[in-house]
C-alpha atoms as a PDB file:
ATOM      1  CA  MET A   1       1.907  26.087-166.297  1.00  0.00           C
ATOM      2  CA  GLY A   2       0.512  29.381-165.153  1.00  0.00           C
ATOM      3  CA  ARG A   3      -1.588  27.578-162.574  1.00  0.00           C
ATOM      4  CA  GLY A   4       1.480  25.725-161.276  1.00  0.00           C
ATOM      5  CA  ILE A   5       3.410  28.978-160.850  1.00  0.00           C
ATOM      6  CA  TRP A   6       0.425  30.527-159.085  1.00  0.00           C
ATOM      7  CA  CYS A   7       0.362  27.731-156.546  1.00  0.00           C
ATOM      8  CA  LYS A   8       3.988  28.344-155.584  1.00  0.00           C
ATOM      9  CA  ILE A   9       3.587  32.054-154.900  1.00  0.00           C
ATOM     10  CA  PRO A  10       2.749  32.650-151.162  1.00  0.00           C
ATOM     11  CA  TYR A  11      -0.116  34.939-150.401  1.00  0.00           C
ATOM     12  CA  PRO A  12       1.297  38.331-149.341  1.00  0.00           C
ATOM     13  CA  THR A  13      -0.658  38.606-146.067  1.00  0.00           C
ATOM     14  CA  PHE A  14       1.221  35.633-144.629  1.00  0.00           C
ATOM     15  CA  ILE A  15       4.559  37.414-144.880  1.00  0.00           C
ATOM     16  CA  GLN A  16       5.593  38.805-141.469  1.00  0.00           C
ATOM     17  CA  ARG A  17       7.619  41.956-141.222  1.00  0.00           C
ATOM     18  CA  PRO A  18      10.672  41.853-138.930  1.00  0.00           C
ATOM     19  CA  THR A  19       8.900  44.040-136.378  1.00  0.00           C
ATOM     20  CA  GLU A  20       5.912  41.683-136.349  1.00  0.00           C
ATOM     21  CA  ILE A  21       8.174  38.688-135.822  1.00  0.00           C
ATOM     22  CA  LYS A  22       9.891  40.489-132.926  1.00  0.00           C
ATOM     23  CA  CYS A  23       6.550  41.301-131.273  1.00  0.00           C
ATOM     24  CA  SER A  24       5.445  37.686-131.642  1.00  0.00           C
ATOM     25  CA  ARG A  25       8.605  36.424-129.955  1.00  0.00           C
ATOM     26  CA  THR A  26       8.241  38.967-127.143  1.00  0.00           C
ATOM     27  CA  LEU A  27       4.711  37.793-126.471  1.00  0.00           C
ATOM     28  CA  THR A  28       5.858  34.178-126.348  1.00  0.00           C
ATOM     29  CA  THR A  29       8.679  35.036-123.942  1.00  0.00           C
ATOM     30  CA  GLY A  30       6.269  36.985-121.730  1.00  0.00           C
ATOM     31  CA  GLN A  31       3.900  34.026-121.586  1.00  0.00           C
ATOM     32  CA  HIS A  32       6.793  31.717-120.694  1.00  0.00           C
ATOM     33  CA  ASN A  33       7.894  34.035-117.863  1.00  0.00           C
ATOM     34  CA  GLU A  34       4.376  34.234-116.481  1.00  0.00           C
ATOM     35  CA  GLN A  35       3.931  30.461-116.617  1.00  0.00           C
ATOM     36  CA  TYR A  36       7.273  29.930-114.883  1.00  0.00           C
ATOM     37  CA  CYS A  37       6.131  32.096-111.959  1.00  0.00           C
ATOM     38  CA  ILE A  38       2.783  30.320-111.780  1.00  0.00           C
ATOM     39  CA  ASP A  39       4.446  26.904-111.748  1.00  0.00           C
ATOM     40  CA  ILE A  40       7.078  27.687-109.122  1.00  0.00           C
ATOM     41  CA  VAL A  41       4.562  29.294-106.751  1.00  0.00           C
ATOM     42  CA  ARG A  42       2.068  26.453-107.200  1.00  0.00           C
ATOM     43  CA  LYS A  43       4.792  23.887-106.489  1.00  0.00           C
ATOM     44  CA  ARG A  44       6.682  25.615-103.653  1.00  0.00           C
ATOM     45  CA  ASP A  45       4.035  27.858-102.059  1.00  0.00           C
ATOM     46  CA  TYR A  46       0.700  26.220-102.792  1.00  0.00           C
ATOM     47  CA  GLU A  47      -1.181  28.184-100.145  1.00  0.00           C
ATOM     48  CA  GLY A  48       0.254  31.463-101.455  1.00  0.00           C
ATOM     49  CA  PHE A  49      -0.772  30.334-104.932  1.00  0.00           C
ATOM     50  CA  LEU A  50      -4.370  29.834-103.799  1.00  0.00           C
ATOM     51  CA  CYS A  51      -4.379  33.265-102.149  1.00  0.00           C
ATOM     52  CA  SER A  52      -3.015  34.860-105.341  1.00  0.00           C
ATOM     53  CA  LEU A  53      -5.870  33.407-107.406  1.00  0.00           C
ATOM     54  CA  LEU A  54      -8.270  35.539-105.366  1.00  0.00           C
ATOM     55  CA  PHE A  55      -6.486  38.783-106.213  1.00  0.00           C
ATOM     56  CA  PRO A  56      -8.208  41.090-108.725  1.00  0.00           C
ATOM     57  CA  GLU A  57      -7.352  39.971-112.258  1.00  0.00           C
ATOM     58  CA  ALA A  58      -5.590  43.269-112.999  1.00  0.00           C
ATOM     59  CA  VAL A  59      -2.938  42.645-110.320  1.00  0.00           C
ATOM     60  CA  ARG A  60      -2.868  38.831-110.115  1.00  0.00           C
ATOM     61  CA  ARG A  61       0.116  38.463-112.429  1.00  0.00           C
ATOM     62  CA  SER A  62       2.132  40.972-110.409  1.00  0.00           C
ATOM     63  CA  ALA A  63       1.201  39.234-107.151  1.00  0.00           C
ATOM     64  CA  LEU A  64       2.410  35.902-108.536  1.00  0.00           C
ATOM     65  CA  ALA A  65       5.659  37.527-109.670  1.00  0.00           C
ATOM     66  CA  LEU A  66       6.296  38.803-106.126  1.00  0.00           C
ATOM     67  CA  ARG A  67       5.481  35.421-104.604  1.00  0.00           C
ATOM     68  CA  ALA A  68       7.786  33.733-107.142  1.00  0.00           C
ATOM     69  CA  PHE A  69      10.542  36.150-106.103  1.00  0.00           C
ATOM     70  CA  ASN A  70       9.954  35.186-102.480  1.00  0.00           C
ATOM     71  CA  VAL A  71      10.026  31.461-103.346  1.00  0.00           C
ATOM     72  CA  GLU A  72      13.282  31.830-105.285  1.00  0.00           C
ATOM     73  CA  LEU A  73      14.909  33.397-102.219  1.00  0.00           C
ATOM     74  CA  ALA A  74      13.359  31.005 -99.698  1.00  0.00           C
ATOM     75  CA  GLN A  75      14.507  27.843-101.455  1.00  0.00           C
ATOM     76  CA  ILE A  76      18.164  28.868-101.732  1.00  0.00           C
ATOM     77  CA  LYS A  77      19.050  27.762 -98.204  1.00  0.00           C
ATOM     78  CA  ASP A  78      17.693  24.245 -98.754  1.00  0.00           C
ATOM     79  CA  THR A  79      19.134  23.741-102.233  1.00  0.00           C
ATOM     80  CA  VAL A  80      22.787  24.652-101.745  1.00  0.00           C
ATOM     81  CA  SER A  81      25.472  22.517-100.132  1.00  0.00           C
ATOM     82  CA  GLN A  82      27.649  25.429 -99.047  1.00  0.00           C
ATOM     83  CA  LYS A  83      26.854  28.758 -97.436  1.00  0.00           C
ATOM     84  CA  THR A  84      29.136  30.590 -99.901  1.00  0.00           C
ATOM     85  CA  ILE A  85      27.101  29.358-102.882  1.00  0.00           C
ATOM     86  CA  GLY A  86      23.892  30.494-101.200  1.00  0.00           C
ATOM     87  CA  LEU A  87      25.309  33.950-100.567  1.00  0.00           C
ATOM     88  CA  MET A  88      26.397  34.173-104.212  1.00  0.00           C
ATOM     89  CA  ARG A  89      22.853  33.397-105.341  1.00  0.00           C
ATOM     90  CA  LEU A  90      21.458  36.002-102.987  1.00  0.00           C
ATOM     91  CA  GLN A  91      23.976  38.503-104.356  1.00  0.00           C
ATOM     92  CA  PHE A  92      22.646  37.730-107.830  1.00  0.00           C
ATOM     93  CA  TRP A  93      19.159  38.672-106.682  1.00  0.00           C
ATOM     94  CA  LYS A  94      20.401  41.815-104.981  1.00  0.00           C
ATOM     95  CA  SER A  95      22.036  42.883-108.253  1.00  0.00           C
ATOM     96  CA  ALA A  96      18.942  41.791-110.189  1.00  0.00           C
ATOM     97  CA  VAL A  97      16.702  44.085-108.114  1.00  0.00           C
ATOM     98  CA  GLU A  98      19.036  47.027-108.751  1.00  0.00           C
ATOM     99  CA  ASP A  99      19.037  46.225-112.480  1.00  0.00           C
ATOM    100  CA  ILE A 100      15.253  45.945-112.538  1.00  0.00           C
ATOM    101  CA  TYR A 101      14.963  49.440-111.103  1.00  0.00           C
ATOM    102  CA  ARG A 102      17.377  50.635-113.795  1.00  0.00           C
ATOM    103  CA  ASP A 103      15.075  49.184-116.475  1.00  0.00           C
ATOM    104  CA  ASP A 104      17.673  46.552-117.338  1.00  0.00           C
ATOM    105  CA  PRO A 105      16.389  43.244-115.886  1.00  0.00           C
ATOM    106  CA  PRO A 106      18.516  40.101-116.279  1.00  0.00           C
ATOM    107  CA  ALA A 107      17.295  37.411-118.677  1.00  0.00           C
ATOM    108  CA  GLN A 108      15.562  35.371-115.992  1.00  0.00           C
ATOM    109  CA  PRO A 109      11.775  34.687-115.838  1.00  0.00           C
ATOM    110  CA  VAL A 110      11.114  35.998-112.304  1.00  0.00           C
ATOM    111  CA  SER A 111      13.287  39.080-112.893  1.00  0.00           C
ATOM    112  CA  ALA A 112      11.411  39.816-116.112  1.00  0.00           C
ATOM    113  CA  GLU A 113       8.048  39.490-114.362  1.00  0.00           C
ATOM    114  CA  LEU A 114       9.191  41.711-111.498  1.00  0.00           C
ATOM    115  CA  TRP A 115      10.263  44.320-114.046  1.00  0.00           C
ATOM    116  CA  ARG A 116       6.830  44.093-115.659  1.00  0.00           C
ATOM    117  CA  ALA A 117       5.171  44.512-112.233  1.00  0.00           C
ATOM    118  CA  LEU A 118       7.370  47.512-111.465  1.00  0.00           C
ATOM    119  CA  ARG A 119       6.319  49.212-114.699  1.00  0.00           C
ATOM    120  CA  LYS A 120       2.677  48.712-113.743  1.00  0.00           C
ATOM    121  CA  HIS A 121       2.798  49.502-110.022  1.00  0.00           C
ATOM    122  CA  THR A 122       4.810  51.660-107.652  1.00  0.00           C
ATOM    123  CA  LEU A 123       6.851  49.061-105.777  1.00  0.00           C
ATOM    124  CA  THR A 124       9.303  50.026-103.047  1.00  0.00           C
ATOM    125  CA  ARG A 125      12.816  48.718-103.666  1.00  0.00           C
ATOM    126  CA  ARG A 126      13.559  48.728 -99.926  1.00  0.00           C
ATOM    127  CA  TRP A 127      11.079  45.918 -99.241  1.00  0.00           C
ATOM    128  CA  MET A 128      12.672  43.647-101.849  1.00  0.00           C
ATOM    129  CA  LEU A 129      16.173  44.328-100.579  1.00  0.00           C
ATOM    130  CA  ARG A 130      15.066  43.793 -96.983  1.00  0.00           C
ATOM    131  CA  ILE A 131      13.829  40.301 -97.846  1.00  0.00           C
ATOM    132  CA  ILE A 132      17.190  39.491 -99.448  1.00  0.00           C
ATOM    133  CA  SER A 133      19.174  40.888 -96.510  1.00  0.00           C
ATOM    134  CA  GLU A 134      17.200  38.789 -94.027  1.00  0.00           C
ATOM    135  CA  ARG A 135      17.745  35.681 -96.166  1.00  0.00           C
ATOM    136  CA  GLU A 136      21.476  36.424 -96.055  1.00  0.00           C
ATOM    137  CA  LYS A 137      21.371  36.467 -92.250  1.00  0.00           C
ATOM    138  CA  ASP A 138      19.370  33.247 -92.300  1.00  0.00           C
ATOM    139  CA  MET A 139      22.202  31.496 -94.168  1.00  0.00           C
ATOM    140  CA  GLU A 140      24.007  31.312 -90.817  1.00  0.00           C
ATOM    141  CA  ASP A 141      21.940  28.154 -90.264  1.00  0.00           C
ATOM    142  CA  LYS A 142      21.549  28.600 -86.518  1.00  0.00           C
ATOM    143  CA  ALA A 143      18.598  28.312 -84.179  1.00  0.00           C
ATOM    144  CA  TYR A 144      16.917  31.578 -83.230  1.00  0.00           C
ATOM    145  CA  ARG A 145      18.165  32.752 -79.852  1.00  0.00           C
ATOM    146  CA  ASN A 146      14.729  33.919 -78.769  1.00  0.00           C
ATOM    147  CA  LEU A 147      11.217  34.550 -80.017  1.00  0.00           C
ATOM    148  CA  GLN A 148      12.026  38.177 -80.798  1.00  0.00           C
ATOM    149  CA  GLU A 149      14.629  37.070 -83.352  1.00  0.00           C
ATOM    150  CA  LEU A 150      12.069  34.814 -85.017  1.00  0.00           C
ATOM    151  CA  GLU A 151       9.559  37.669 -85.073  1.00  0.00           C
ATOM    152  CA  ALA A 152      12.163  39.939 -86.684  1.00  0.00           C
ATOM    153  CA  TYR A 153      12.724  37.285 -89.347  1.00  0.00           C
ATOM    154  CA  GLY A 154       8.985  37.194 -90.067  1.00  0.00           C
ATOM    155  CA  GLU A 155       8.783  40.985 -90.144  1.00  0.00           C
ATOM    156  CA  ASN A 156      11.689  41.352 -92.570  1.00  0.00           C
ATOM    157  CA  THR A 157      10.585  38.585 -94.937  1.00  0.00           C
ATOM    158  CA  GLN A 158       6.838  37.937 -94.806  1.00  0.00           C
ATOM    159  CA  SER A 159       5.743  41.440 -93.777  1.00  0.00           C
ATOM    160  CA  SER A 160       7.930  42.965 -96.494  1.00  0.00           C
ATOM    161  CA  LEU A 161       6.222  40.712 -99.052  1.00  0.00           C
ATOM    162  CA  LEU A 162       2.815  41.831 -97.755  1.00  0.00           C
ATOM    163  CA  PHE A 163       3.837  45.490 -98.063  1.00  0.00           C
ATOM    164  CA  LEU A 164       4.703  44.857-101.721  1.00  0.00           C
ATOM    165  CA  LEU A 165       1.398  43.053-102.316  1.00  0.00           C
ATOM    166  CA  LEU A 166      -0.457  46.004-100.787  1.00  0.00           C
ATOM    167  CA  GLU A 167       1.355  48.266-103.249  1.00  0.00           C
ATOM    168  CA  THR A 168       0.145  46.177-106.189  1.00  0.00           C
ATOM    169  CA  LEU A 169      -3.376  46.680-104.844  1.00  0.00           C
ATOM    170  CA  GLY A 170      -2.807  50.434-104.647  1.00  0.00           C
ATOM    171  CA  VAL A 171      -3.309  50.494-100.877  1.00  0.00           C
ATOM    172  CA  LYS A 172      -1.567  53.171 -98.825  1.00  0.00           C
ATOM    173  CA  ASN A 173      -2.993  52.987 -95.350  1.00  0.00           C
ATOM    174  CA  VAL A 174      -1.274  53.020 -91.970  1.00  0.00           C
ATOM    175  CA  HIS A 175      -3.759  50.543 -90.464  1.00  0.00           C
ATOM    176  CA  SER A 176      -3.125  48.116 -93.323  1.00  0.00           C
ATOM    177  CA  ASP A 177       0.605  48.443 -92.695  1.00  0.00           C
ATOM    178  CA  HIS A 178       0.192  47.643 -88.996  1.00  0.00           C
ATOM    179  CA  ALA A 179      -1.960  44.623 -89.842  1.00  0.00           C
ATOM    180  CA  ALA A 180       0.576  43.441 -92.430  1.00  0.00           C
ATOM    181  CA  SER A 181       3.367  43.734 -89.876  1.00  0.00           C
ATOM    182  CA  HIS A 182       1.580  41.459 -87.394  1.00  0.00           C
ATOM    183  CA  ILE A 183       0.443  38.968 -90.054  1.00  0.00           C
ATOM    184  CA  GLY A 184       4.009  38.705 -91.337  1.00  0.00           C
ATOM    185  CA  LYS A 185       5.318  38.009 -87.843  1.00  0.00           C
ATOM    186  CA  ALA A 186       2.659  35.343 -87.303  1.00  0.00           C
ATOM    187  CA  GLN A 187       3.505  33.752 -90.627  1.00  0.00           C
ATOM    188  CA  GLY A 188       7.221  33.744 -89.896  1.00  0.00           C
ATOM    189  CA  ILE A 189       6.610  32.044 -86.555  1.00  0.00           C
ATOM    190  CA  LEU A 190       4.264  29.397 -87.954  1.00  0.00           C
ATOM    191  CA  THR A 191       6.449  28.724 -90.990  1.00  0.00           C
ATOM    192  CA  CYS A 192       9.287  27.857 -88.628  1.00  0.00           C
ATOM    193  CA  LEU A 193       6.975  25.702 -86.524  1.00  0.00           C
ATOM    194  CA  ARG A 194       5.443  23.873 -89.494  1.00  0.00           C
ATOM    195  CA  ALA A 195       8.881  23.104 -90.913  1.00  0.00           C
ATOM    196  CA  THR A 196      10.040  21.447 -87.674  1.00  0.00           C
ATOM    197  CA  PRO A 197       9.393  17.822 -88.775  1.00  0.00           C
ATOM    198  CA  TYR A 198      11.205  18.403 -92.088  1.00  0.00           C
ATOM    199  CA  ASN A 199      14.115  20.213 -90.468  1.00  0.00           C
ATOM    200  CA  SER A 200      14.378  17.638 -87.696  1.00  0.00           C
ATOM    201  CA  SER A 201      14.667  14.861 -90.288  1.00  0.00           C
ATOM    202  CA  ARG A 202      17.741  16.715 -91.570  1.00  0.00           C
ATOM    203  CA  ARG A 203      19.086  17.015 -87.994  1.00  0.00           C
ATOM    204  CA  LYS A 204      18.412  20.752 -87.888  1.00  0.00           C
ATOM    205  CA  VAL A 205      16.393  22.662 -85.298  1.00  0.00           C
ATOM    206  CA  TYR A 206      15.643  26.379 -85.618  1.00  0.00           C
ATOM    207  CA  LEU A 207      13.042  26.890 -82.865  1.00  0.00           C
ATOM    208  CA  PRO A 208      13.819  29.697 -80.360  1.00  0.00           C
ATOM    209  CA  MET A 209      16.383  28.463 -77.857  1.00  0.00           C
ATOM    210  CA  ASP A 210      14.981  30.466 -74.943  1.00  0.00           C
ATOM    211  CA  ILE A 211      11.621  28.697 -75.101  1.00  0.00           C
ATOM    212  CA  CYS A 212      13.262  25.293 -75.563  1.00  0.00           C
ATOM    213  CA  MET A 213      15.459  25.895 -72.518  1.00  0.00           C
ATOM    214  CA  LEU A 214      12.469  27.094 -70.497  1.00  0.00           C
ATOM    215  CA  HIS A 215      10.798  23.695 -70.949  1.00  0.00           C
ATOM    216  CA  GLY A 216      13.952  21.593 -70.816  1.00  0.00           C
ATOM    217  CA  ALA A 217      13.687  20.530 -74.454  1.00  0.00           C
ATOM    218  CA  SER A 218      16.943  19.773 -76.254  1.00  0.00           C
ATOM    219  CA  GLN A 219      17.640  19.823 -79.973  1.00  0.00           C
ATOM    220  CA  GLU A 220      18.122  16.066 -79.816  1.00  0.00           C
ATOM    221  CA  ASP A 221      14.531  15.711 -78.545  1.00  0.00           C
ATOM    222  CA  PHE A 222      13.258  17.341 -81.728  1.00  0.00           C
ATOM    223  CA  ILE A 223      15.675  15.433 -83.976  1.00  0.00           C
ATOM    224  CA  ARG A 224      14.354  12.100 -82.695  1.00  0.00           C
ATOM    225  CA  GLY A 225      10.764  13.323 -83.054  1.00  0.00           C
ATOM    226  CA  SER A 226       9.856  13.306 -79.383  1.00  0.00           C
ATOM    227  CA  ARG A 227       6.177  13.808 -78.609  1.00  0.00           C
ATOM    228  CA  ASP A 228       6.654  14.286 -74.866  1.00  0.00           C
ATOM    229  CA  GLN A 229       4.809  16.966 -72.925  1.00  0.00           C
ATOM    230  CA  ASN A 230       7.752  19.354 -72.719  1.00  0.00           C
ATOM    231  CA  ILE A 231       7.991  19.360 -76.545  1.00  0.00           C
ATOM    232  CA  ARG A 232       4.274  20.105 -76.763  1.00  0.00           C
ATOM    233  CA  ASP A 233       4.752  22.947 -74.272  1.00  0.00           C
ATOM    234  CA  VAL A 234       7.390  24.506 -76.539  1.00  0.00           C
ATOM    235  CA  VAL A 235       5.042  24.248 -79.511  1.00  0.00           C
ATOM    236  CA  TYR A 236       2.181  25.710 -77.454  1.00  0.00           C
ATOM    237  CA  ASP A 237       4.213  28.773 -76.430  1.00  0.00           C
ATOM    238  CA  ILE A 238       5.380  29.455 -79.975  1.00  0.00           C
ATOM    239  CA  ALA A 239       1.928  28.904 -81.502  1.00  0.00           C
ATOM    240  CA  SER A 240       0.377  31.148 -78.852  1.00  0.00           C
ATOM    241  CA  GLN A 241       2.611  34.037 -79.877  1.00  0.00           C
ATOM    242  CA  ALA A 242       1.543  33.615 -83.508  1.00  0.00           C
ATOM    243  CA  HIS A 243      -2.082  33.656 -82.353  1.00  0.00           C
ATOM    244  CA  VAL A 244      -1.459  36.910 -80.465  1.00  0.00           C
ATOM    245  CA  HIS A 245      -0.133  38.536 -83.645  1.00  0.00           C
ATOM    246  CA  LEU A 246      -3.183  37.372 -85.603  1.00  0.00           C
ATOM    247  CA  GLN A 247      -5.427  38.921 -82.975  1.00  0.00           C
ATOM    248  CA  HIS A 248      -3.507  42.186 -83.161  1.00  0.00           C
ATOM    249  CA  ALA A 249      -3.775  42.184 -86.953  1.00  0.00           C
ATOM    250  CA  ARG A 250      -7.536  41.723 -86.778  1.00  0.00           C
ATOM    251  CA  SER A 251      -7.884  44.567 -84.293  1.00  0.00           C
ATOM    252  CA  PHE A 252      -7.222  46.942 -87.232  1.00  0.00           C
ATOM    253  CA  SER A 253      -9.865  45.354 -89.478  1.00  0.00           C
ATOM    254  CA  GLU A 254     -12.448  48.136 -89.119  1.00  0.00           C
ATOM    255  CA  ASN A 255      -9.969  50.678 -90.497  1.00  0.00           C
ATOM    256  CA  VAL A 256      -8.434  48.509 -93.215  1.00  0.00           C
ATOM    257  CA  PRO A 257      -9.859  49.272 -96.689  1.00  0.00           C
ATOM    258  CA  HIS A 258     -11.542  46.415 -98.564  1.00  0.00           C
ATOM    259  CA  ALA A 259      -8.973  46.767-101.324  1.00  0.00           C
ATOM    260  CA  ALA A 260      -6.297  45.437 -98.946  1.00  0.00           C
ATOM    261  CA  LEU A 261      -8.121  42.219 -98.046  1.00  0.00           C
ATOM    262  CA  PRO A 262      -6.688  39.976-100.812  1.00  0.00           C
ATOM    263  CA  ALA A 263      -3.197  40.548 -99.381  1.00  0.00           C
ATOM    264  CA  PHE A 264      -4.385  39.354 -95.965  1.00  0.00           C
ATOM    265  CA  LEU A 265      -6.023  36.070 -97.012  1.00  0.00           C
ATOM    266  CA  GLN A 266      -2.935  34.295 -95.641  1.00  0.00           C
ATOM    267  CA  THR A 267      -4.577  34.661 -92.224  1.00  0.00           C
ATOM    268  CA  VAL A 268      -6.974  31.866 -93.248  1.00  0.00           C
ATOM    269  CA  VAL A 269      -3.999  29.552 -93.781  1.00  0.00           C
ATOM    270  CA  LEU A 270      -2.419  30.517 -90.468  1.00  0.00           C
ATOM    271  CA  GLU A 271      -5.655  30.129 -88.560  1.00  0.00           C
ATOM    272  CA  ASP A 272      -6.209  26.721 -90.163  1.00  0.00           C
ATOM    273  CA  TYR A 273      -2.832  25.452 -88.937  1.00  0.00           C
ATOM    274  CA  LEU A 274      -3.399  26.817 -85.439  1.00  0.00           C
ATOM    275  CA  GLN A 275      -6.726  25.005 -85.219  1.00  0.00           C
ATOM    276  CA  ARG A 276      -5.258  21.745 -86.466  1.00  0.00           C
ATOM    277  CA  VAL A 277      -2.240  21.806 -84.140  1.00  0.00           C
ATOM    278  CA  ARG A 278      -4.600  22.567 -81.250  1.00  0.00           C
ATOM    279  CA  LYS A 279      -6.725  19.508 -82.127  1.00  0.00           C
ATOM    280  CA  VAL A 280      -3.685  17.226 -81.832  1.00  0.00           C
ATOM    281  CA  ASP A 281      -2.683  18.783 -78.489  1.00  0.00           C
ATOM    282  CA  PHE A 282       0.273  20.653 -79.994  1.00  0.00           C
ATOM    283  CA  ASP A 283       2.011  17.520 -81.228  1.00  0.00           C
ATOM    284  CA  VAL A 284       4.008  19.131 -84.038  1.00  0.00           C
ATOM    285  CA  PHE A 285       5.013  15.684 -85.365  1.00  0.00           C
ATOM    286  CA  HIS A 286       1.436  14.429 -85.777  1.00  0.00           C
ATOM    287  CA  PRO A 287       0.976  12.981 -89.312  1.00  0.00           C
ATOM    288  CA  SER A 288      -2.243  14.934 -89.905  1.00  0.00           C
ATOM    289  CA  LEU A 289      -0.320  18.218 -89.835  1.00  0.00           C
ATOM    290  CA  GLN A 290       1.747  17.129 -92.836  1.00  0.00           C
ATOM    291  CA  LYS A 291      -1.350  16.790 -95.031  1.00  0.00           C
ATOM    292  CA  ARG A 292      -3.050  19.552 -96.979  1.00  0.00           C
ATOM    293  CA  ASN A 293      -6.482  20.656 -95.864  1.00  0.00           C
ATOM    294  CA  PRO A 294      -8.782  19.826 -98.828  1.00  0.00           C
ATOM    295  CA  MET A 295     -11.271  22.434 -97.607  1.00  0.00           C
ATOM    296  CA  LEU A 296      -8.748  25.282 -97.662  1.00  0.00           C
ATOM    297  CA  PRO A 297      -9.640  26.589-101.172  1.00  0.00           C
ATOM    298  CA  LEU A 298     -13.295  26.848-100.132  1.00  0.00           C
ATOM    299  CA  GLN A 299     -12.382  28.522 -96.847  1.00  0.00           C
ATOM    300  CA  LEU A 300     -10.274  31.074 -98.696  1.00  0.00           C
ATOM    301  CA  TYR A 301     -13.039  31.768-101.187  1.00  0.00           C
ATOM    302  CA  LEU A 302     -15.655  32.269 -98.463  1.00  0.00           C
ATOM    303  CA  ARG A 303     -13.381  34.615 -96.523  1.00  0.00           C
ATOM    304  CA  SER A 304     -12.697  36.573 -99.702  1.00  0.00           C
ATOM    305  CA  TRP A 305     -16.432  36.744-100.493  1.00  0.00           C
ATOM    306  CA  LYS A 306     -17.238  37.965 -96.964  1.00  0.00           C
ATOM    307  CA  LYS A 307     -14.424  40.538 -97.258  1.00  0.00           C
ATOM    308  CA  ILE A 308     -12.941  39.757 -93.875  1.00  0.00           C
ATOM    309  CA  TYR A 309      -9.546  38.470 -92.759  1.00  0.00           C
END
């Protein structure tokens, strides 16, 4: 009988105290939040995901949190049926950022990861809010009036993200900031260009109207997927401006610290698209441009290893 009683008594070391149980749950929640950010970036911003993998391990999680934040904002426009709903979601994120800086993040995976990043790094609230404000303007769902408007969009969204990534890397350097500004503008321009086939299939065209008018290209030409020379001329002019910004960004390379280079690996992605669109004579609707470059991970790794952008 004594042996039977002994078998029913649990061994004391297996009993968890309430505080231990709480810590265990916190760890599980933290892992879930991190995995959520990894998954959403890998699915919605695969190239940004690859770039993030080449960040130093100590800041990689924070970089993924910032990219997840950017993805959450970027996908709002395409996932809502009404502008009002989109603006409400953006207002949620504006409030979330304020709460994060008050040490009271909402119970949402990306918010929780941003709060964790903020506790680890000095991140400027202004850059986050600037991304949100530009996304609010973008909800107007109109074509850009000119190239300068498109550049401003890239500056306020992509450059702001790069400034935050530089802060996770501990980089405070005026030359890095100038480079980030130009890279962001180039990325904004090429993101708009790359999305043209998708947007056209939804009967939407956002390319700068001044350049379209210059070459006599109408929105209907893009909607029906025209591959005429005047459409290629529009694409050439827009791509050329992105190339100019990449060249300007690289002109600062000698004065940019090596610590900043992981944040600038996106230049490999931009350069890859420019080369591919050039090979198809600036036919933005060419099927090859809709496919991923299988060599891109290797190209990113080599650029990271050479410490150049």
